[in-house]
Amino acid sequence: MGTLSDWWSSWRGKYEALVEEYGWVAIATYFTIFFGTWFGFWVAIRTGYEPGGTAASAGTIGGAYLATKVTQPLRIGITIVLLPGVVRIKRAIQARTATGSQPDQGR
């Protein structure tokens, strides 16, 4: 029977393998999700959502950050799921740019 620690280690290992394989694209995808989540919580708190516990006494930015940290396992999972698609799109754009940006020589 697996524990939460085993589950977390498994997901973290998958994320680290993706970072090693995909490099900055993995990091950029993760931080895009991170800052989007942080901003979303900030907007929610500013518009009336009242978090409980420690986040309630941390102020708007601090509360949003704490709420974002709570979602870290979910954000890592979302990164793992989205990353292959993001890399495919990046490679398609690079291929299209590489073939379309060659200037005509000698004309």
C-alpha atoms as a PDB file:
ATOM      1  CA  MET A   1       0.000   0.000   0.000  1.00  0.00           C
ATOM      2  CA  GLY A   2       1.599   3.270  -1.146  1.00  0.00           C
ATOM      3  CA  THR A   3       1.811   6.306   1.008  1.00  0.00           C
ATOM      4  CA  LEU A   4       1.398   9.929   0.072  1.00  0.00           C
ATOM      5  CA  SER A   5       5.172  10.263   0.272  1.00  0.00           C
ATOM      6  CA  ASP A   6       5.626   7.464  -2.281  1.00  0.00           C
ATOM      7  CA  TRP A   7       3.077   9.079  -4.592  1.00  0.00           C
ATOM      8  CA  TRP A   8       4.759  12.476  -4.285  1.00  0.00           C
ATOM      9  CA  SER A   9       8.210  10.979  -4.923  1.00  0.00           C
ATOM     10  CA  SER A  10       6.897   9.265  -8.038  1.00  0.00           C
ATOM     11  CA  TRP A  11       5.419  12.485  -9.483  1.00  0.00           C
ATOM     12  CA  ARG A  12       8.464  14.526  -8.529  1.00  0.00           C
ATOM     13  CA  GLY A  13      10.711  11.951 -10.224  1.00  0.00           C
ATOM     14  CA  LYS A  14       8.631  12.148 -13.410  1.00  0.00           C
ATOM     15  CA  TYR A  15       8.836  15.945 -13.344  1.00  0.00           C
ATOM     16  CA  GLU A  16      12.627  15.899 -12.868  1.00  0.00           C
ATOM     17  CA  ALA A  17      12.992  13.444 -15.767  1.00  0.00           C
ATOM     18  CA  LEU A  18      10.945  15.771 -17.988  1.00  0.00           C
ATOM     19  CA  VAL A  19      13.074  18.760 -16.982  1.00  0.00           C
ATOM     20  CA  GLU A  20      16.193  16.785 -17.865  1.00  0.00           C
ATOM     21  CA  GLU A  21      14.711  15.723 -21.214  1.00  0.00           C
ATOM     22  CA  TYR A  22      13.006  18.984 -22.249  1.00  0.00           C
ATOM     23  CA  GLY A  23      15.130  21.585 -20.424  1.00  0.00           C
ATOM     24  CA  TRP A  24      13.929  25.155 -20.316  1.00  0.00           C
ATOM     25  CA  VAL A  25      10.598  24.305 -21.948  1.00  0.00           C
ATOM     26  CA  ALA A  26       9.679  22.213 -18.893  1.00  0.00           C
ATOM     27  CA  ILE A  27      10.721  24.974 -16.535  1.00  0.00           C
ATOM     28  CA  ALA A  28       8.894  27.647 -18.544  1.00  0.00           C
ATOM     29  CA  THR A  29       5.729  25.516 -18.664  1.00  0.00           C
ATOM     30  CA  TYR A  30       5.860  24.908 -14.914  1.00  0.00           C
ATOM     31  CA  PHE A  31       6.411  28.583 -14.060  1.00  0.00           C
ATOM     32  CA  THR A  32       3.701  29.715 -16.478  1.00  0.00           C
ATOM     33  CA  ILE A  33       1.265  27.479 -14.608  1.00  0.00           C
ATOM     34  CA  PHE A  34       2.708  28.634 -11.255  1.00  0.00           C
ATOM     35  CA  PHE A  35       2.360  32.362 -11.956  1.00  0.00           C
ATOM     36  CA  GLY A  36      -1.041  31.862 -13.597  1.00  0.00           C
ATOM     37  CA  THR A  37      -2.255  30.057 -10.481  1.00  0.00           C
ATOM     38  CA  TRP A  38      -0.758  32.681  -8.173  1.00  0.00           C
ATOM     39  CA  PHE A  39      -2.378  35.476 -10.192  1.00  0.00           C
ATOM     40  CA  GLY A  40      -5.693  33.607 -10.222  1.00  0.00           C
ATOM     41  CA  PHE A  41      -5.674  33.240  -6.437  1.00  0.00           C
ATOM     42  CA  TRP A  42      -4.660  36.904  -6.066  1.00  0.00           C
ATOM     43  CA  VAL A  43      -7.604  37.992  -8.232  1.00  0.00           C
ATOM     44  CA  ALA A  44      -9.952  35.685  -6.313  1.00  0.00           C
ATOM     45  CA  ILE A  45      -8.836  37.109  -2.955  1.00  0.00           C
ATOM     46  CA  ARG A  46      -9.034  40.703  -4.239  1.00  0.00           C
ATOM     47  CA  THR A  47     -12.571  40.125  -5.490  1.00  0.00           C
ATOM     48  CA  GLY A  48     -13.891  38.703  -2.250  1.00  0.00           C
ATOM     49  CA  TYR A  49     -12.750  35.110  -1.730  1.00  0.00           C
ATOM     50  CA  GLU A  50     -11.708  34.691   1.896  1.00  0.00           C
ATOM     51  CA  PRO A  51      -9.156  31.921   2.452  1.00  0.00           C
ATOM     52  CA  GLY A  52      -9.048  30.260   5.835  1.00  0.00           C
ATOM     53  CA  GLY A  53      -6.171  29.252   8.084  1.00  0.00           C
ATOM     54  CA  THR A  54      -2.706  30.719   7.695  1.00  0.00           C
ATOM     55  CA  ALA A  55      -3.478  32.155   4.253  1.00  0.00           C
ATOM     56  CA  ALA A  56      -6.143  34.409   5.807  1.00  0.00           C
ATOM     57  CA  SER A  57      -3.570  36.310   7.877  1.00  0.00           C
ATOM     58  CA  ALA A  58      -0.912  36.551   5.157  1.00  0.00           C
ATOM     59  CA  GLY A  59      -2.361  39.440   3.147  1.00  0.00           C
ATOM     60  CA  THR A  60      -3.471  39.314  -0.460  1.00  0.00           C
ATOM     61  CA  ILE A  61      -0.175  38.419  -2.121  1.00  0.00           C
ATOM     62  CA  GLY A  62       0.951  36.148   0.711  1.00  0.00           C
ATOM     63  CA  GLY A  63      -2.409  34.401   0.880  1.00  0.00           C
ATOM     64  CA  ALA A  64      -2.378  33.876  -2.874  1.00  0.00           C
ATOM     65  CA  TYR A  65       1.161  32.463  -2.645  1.00  0.00           C
ATOM     66  CA  LEU A  66       0.220  30.067   0.168  1.00  0.00           C
ATOM     67  CA  ALA A  67      -2.837  28.895  -1.754  1.00  0.00           C
ATOM     68  CA  THR A  68      -0.628  28.404  -4.819  1.00  0.00           C
ATOM     69  CA  LYS A  69       1.860  26.310  -2.814  1.00  0.00           C
ATOM     70  CA  VAL A  70      -0.986  24.056  -1.656  1.00  0.00           C
ATOM     71  CA  THR A  71      -1.732  23.305  -5.310  1.00  0.00           C
ATOM     72  CA  GLN A  72       1.882  22.327  -6.113  1.00  0.00           C
ATOM     73  CA  PRO A  73       1.254  18.576  -6.564  1.00  0.00           C
ATOM     74  CA  LEU A  74      -1.610  19.370  -8.927  1.00  0.00           C
ATOM     75  CA  ARG A  75       0.505  21.894 -10.848  1.00  0.00           C
ATOM     76  CA  ILE A  76       3.325  19.376 -11.271  1.00  0.00           C
ATOM     77  CA  GLY A  77       0.800  16.833 -12.575  1.00  0.00           C
ATOM     78  CA  ILE A  78      -0.611  19.382 -15.027  1.00  0.00           C
ATOM     79  CA  THR A  79       2.937  20.190 -16.194  1.00  0.00           C
ATOM     80  CA  ILE A  80       3.653  16.506 -16.780  1.00  0.00           C
ATOM     81  CA  VAL A  81       0.462  16.111 -18.801  1.00  0.00           C
ATOM     82  CA  LEU A  82       0.866  19.304 -20.868  1.00  0.00           C
ATOM     83  CA  LEU A  83       4.609  19.224 -21.522  1.00  0.00           C
ATOM     84  CA  PRO A  84       4.714  16.756 -24.456  1.00  0.00           C
ATOM     85  CA  GLY A  85       2.092  18.844 -26.283  1.00  0.00           C
ATOM     86  CA  VAL A  86       3.922  22.101 -25.556  1.00  0.00           C
ATOM     87  CA  VAL A  87       7.157  20.606 -26.898  1.00  0.00           C
ATOM     88  CA  ARG A  88       5.363  19.370 -30.047  1.00  0.00           C
ATOM     89  CA  ILE A  89       3.969  22.872 -30.655  1.00  0.00           C
ATOM     90  CA  LYS A  90       7.382  24.466 -30.022  1.00  0.00           C
ATOM     91  CA  ARG A  91       9.077  22.089 -32.460  1.00  0.00           C
ATOM     92  CA  ALA A  92       6.395  22.682 -35.101  1.00  0.00           C
ATOM     93  CA  ILE A  93       6.852  26.445 -34.789  1.00  0.00           C
ATOM     94  CA  GLN A  94      10.635  26.085 -34.995  1.00  0.00           C
ATOM     95  CA  ALA A  95      10.364  23.872 -38.074  1.00  0.00           C
ATOM     96  CA  ARG A  96       7.978  26.284 -39.766  1.00  0.00           C
ATOM     97  CA  THR A  97      10.200  29.252 -38.904  1.00  0.00           C
ATOM     98  CA  ALA A  98      13.366  27.474 -40.063  1.00  0.00           C
ATOM     99  CA  THR A  99      11.916  26.608 -43.475  1.00  0.00           C
ATOM    100  CA  GLY A 100      10.078  29.888 -43.960  1.00  0.00           C
ATOM    101  CA  SER A 101      12.788  32.285 -42.868  1.00  0.00           C
ATOM    102  CA  GLN A 102      15.513  31.292 -45.335  1.00  0.00           C
ATOM    103  CA  PRO A 103      16.231  34.369 -47.455  1.00  0.00           C
ATOM    104  CA  ASP A 104      16.578  33.918 -51.197  1.00  0.00           C
ATOM    105  CA  GLN A 105      20.243  34.149 -52.088  1.00  0.00           C
ATOM    106  CA  GLY A 106      21.310  35.752 -55.346  1.00  0.00           C
ATOM    107  CA  ARG A 107      17.957  37.131 -56.506  1.00  0.00           C
END
